[in-house]
Amino acid sequence: MVNRKNLKKKYALISVYDKKNLNYLCKNLTRHNYNFISSGSTGNKIRDIGYECMDLAKLTNFKEMFDGRVKTLNSLIYSSLLYIRDNDLHKKEFLSLKIPEIDIVIVNLYPFEKYYKKNTNKEIIEMIDIGGPSLLRAASKNFKYITPIIDINDYKKLIINLDKFRGNTDISFRKNMAGKVFKKISDYDKLIFKWFNE
């Protein structure tokens, strides 16, 4: 029998605009001993569907500001996402921070394209996502250790990979997901650029 108390705690940072399939995601991540970190409406939704979720603001001791415009942009979070885990100096610095080691980052972006097509200029500026792309870029840069997920359609692929590798993901999957992140963010930024130049 596996003693779950002796297992390394694993953490998934989840911040999603589209909350479709969130129950499926949480249910299956829980099977693999993942704990959840989130903020705002995503954190509330995770708790509403019956799962424990660490609030990002409590973790960083920095409350959300400006109607949620500033919530994930915090050096403690990026320390967890960017430190090189097989570098002894990095490890020592990270341990001194006393924060969780984030293993999976699941973020989908504000739907800028949807508002762009509707030509709702009054609202579209609020659909320019800042924190989401930043989290995903950091996780993707460190894909050697961290799994970034930007697409809801990849939730099932993530769970299949976790099932195959006993609660972890393999390097080829992480690299593939990281490449997808940079492609999607590039397309996202191009559309924003187009809007600014129209």
Foldseek 3Di string as FASTA:
>chain_A
DDDLVPDDEAEEEEDEPDCPCVVVLVVLLVVLRYAYEYEDPVQVVCVVVPHDYHYQCVQQVHDQDDVNLDGQPDVLLLLLLAQDPVPVVSVVVNVVSVGDRHAEYEYEAQPLVVCVVVVPVVCNVVRPDDNRLVSLLSNLVNLVRHAYAHDPVCSVVVSVQCVVVRRHHDSVNRNVRSVVSVVVVVVVVVVVVVVVVD
